[in-house]
Amino acid sequence: MGWYSGNSGNETHPVAQKRPNAWGLYDMHGNVWEWCSDWYGPNPSGAVTDPAGGASGDDRVLRGGGSWYNLARFCRSAGRGGRERRGDGRASLERSGGGPAVW
């Protein structure tokens, strides 16, 4: 298991402090979310490859396996969400199971 609220000490950690997964990849679950340039919105209908997302919106896409702030149950590869940018440069906490994200 990666870094999550139960073992992180409420802070991020340098990469590769935990064991890698079966493919040799580090930090695929926990530690930090990936903030993407895609706008958060409904998934396209039908099969698509690497969809770009909407042209605009209020929330950016977050991908990844949870973060140092999340409960262990949110630290999974299928985790997805969006965050609304606040005026102070941080993201709101209302989406994706909670937790701050730096813009």
Protein backbone atom coordinates (compact mmCIF):
# COMPACT_ATOMS: atom_id res chain seq x y z
CA MET A 1 0.00 0.00 0.00
CA GLY A 2 1.18 3.50 -0.76
CA TRP A 3 0.94 6.66 1.32
CA TYR A 4 -2.56 7.42 2.62
CA SER A 5 -4.12 9.19 5.62
CA GLY A 6 -3.30 6.30 7.96
CA ASN A 7 0.47 6.27 7.36
CA SER A 8 1.51 9.53 5.65
CA GLY A 9 1.82 11.85 8.64
CA ASN A 10 -0.39 14.27 6.63
CA GLU A 11 2.28 15.09 4.06
CA THR A 12 3.57 13.97 0.68
CA HIS A 13 6.65 11.77 0.44
CA PRO A 14 9.54 11.39 -2.04
CA VAL A 15 8.97 8.84 -4.80
CA ALA A 16 10.05 5.22 -4.30
CA GLN A 17 9.90 5.14 -0.50
CA LYS A 18 7.52 2.15 -0.72
CA ARG A 19 8.00 -1.07 -2.68
CA PRO A 20 7.21 -1.01 -6.43
CA ASN A 21 4.24 -2.90 -7.85
CA ALA A 22 4.56 -6.07 -9.95
CA TRP A 23 5.58 -4.00 -13.02
CA GLY A 24 8.28 -2.08 -11.16
CA LEU A 25 6.24 1.14 -10.93
CA TYR A 26 6.33 3.24 -7.76
CA ASP A 27 3.58 5.26 -6.09
CA MET A 28 0.69 4.13 -8.25
CA HIS A 29 -1.57 4.16 -5.18
CA GLY A 30 -1.53 6.99 -2.67
CA ASN A 31 0.88 9.89 -2.13
CA VAL A 32 -0.39 12.40 -4.77
CA TRP A 33 -3.12 12.78 -7.39
CA GLU A 34 -2.27 13.58 -11.00
CA TRP A 35 -3.75 16.94 -11.98
CA CYS A 36 -4.63 16.80 -15.70
CA SER A 37 -5.29 19.58 -18.19
CA ASP A 38 -8.60 17.93 -19.25
CA TRP A 39 -11.83 19.59 -18.09
CA TYR A 40 -14.02 17.42 -15.86
CA GLY A 41 -17.31 16.37 -17.46
CA PRO A 42 -19.39 13.45 -18.66
CA ASN A 43 -17.64 10.64 -20.49
CA PRO A 44 -18.18 10.54 -24.26
CA SER A 45 -20.66 7.98 -25.54
CA GLY A 46 -19.25 5.07 -27.49
CA ALA A 47 -15.69 3.83 -27.78
CA VAL A 48 -12.93 6.47 -27.78
CA THR A 49 -9.14 6.46 -27.53
CA ASP A 50 -7.47 9.14 -25.39
CA PRO A 51 -10.38 11.61 -25.26
CA ALA A 52 -9.32 15.23 -24.75
CA GLY A 53 -12.25 16.35 -22.61
CA GLY A 54 -14.33 19.49 -23.04
CA ALA A 55 -13.05 22.79 -24.43
CA SER A 56 -13.75 24.58 -21.12
CA GLY A 57 -15.22 24.08 -17.67
CA ASP A 58 -14.95 24.82 -13.96
CA ASP A 59 -13.16 21.67 -12.78
CA ARG A 60 -9.95 19.94 -13.90
CA VAL A 61 -9.62 16.16 -14.01
CA LEU A 62 -7.76 14.33 -11.27
CA ARG A 63 -6.44 10.85 -11.98
CA GLY A 64 -4.49 8.42 -9.94
CA GLY A 65 -4.71 6.18 -6.98
CA GLY A 66 -5.61 8.56 -4.17
CA SER A 67 -3.30 10.66 -2.05
CA TRP A 68 -1.63 11.05 1.32
CA TYR A 69 -4.86 12.70 2.51
CA ASN A 70 -7.32 9.97 1.44
CA LEU A 71 -8.57 6.94 3.32
CA ALA A 72 -7.04 3.67 2.10
CA ARG A 73 -10.27 2.70 0.28
CA PHE A 74 -9.82 5.68 -2.09
CA CYS A 75 -6.26 4.65 -3.02
CA ARG A 76 -7.04 2.66 -6.15
CA SER A 77 -6.02 2.95 -9.79
CA ALA A 78 -9.60 3.42 -10.98
CA GLY A 79 -10.02 6.57 -8.88
CA ARG A 80 -11.16 9.60 -10.88
CA GLY A 81 -12.53 13.00 -9.96
CA GLY A 82 -12.47 16.71 -10.53
CA ARG A 83 -11.43 19.74 -8.53
CA GLU A 84 -12.60 23.31 -8.72
CA ARG A 85 -9.87 25.92 -8.51
CA ARG A 86 -10.13 28.43 -5.66
CA GLY A 87 -8.73 31.95 -5.64
CA ASP A 88 -5.81 30.98 -3.37
CA GLY A 89 -4.32 28.54 -5.91
CA ARG A 90 -5.50 25.41 -4.10
CA ALA A 91 -8.37 23.15 -5.10
CA SER A 92 -11.64 22.79 -3.26
CA LEU A 93 -12.11 19.72 -1.07
CA GLU A 94 -15.63 18.78 -2.16
CA ARG A 95 -14.84 16.20 -4.85
CA SER A 96 -12.95 12.91 -5.19
CA GLY A 97 -13.15 11.85 -1.56
CA GLY A 98 -11.56 15.00 -0.16
CA GLY A 99 -8.03 16.24 0.12
CA PRO A 100 -6.18 19.31 -1.07
CA ALA A 101 -4.56 19.54 -4.48
CA VAL A 102 -2.15 22.31 -5.47
CA TRP A 103 -2.92 24.07 -8.77
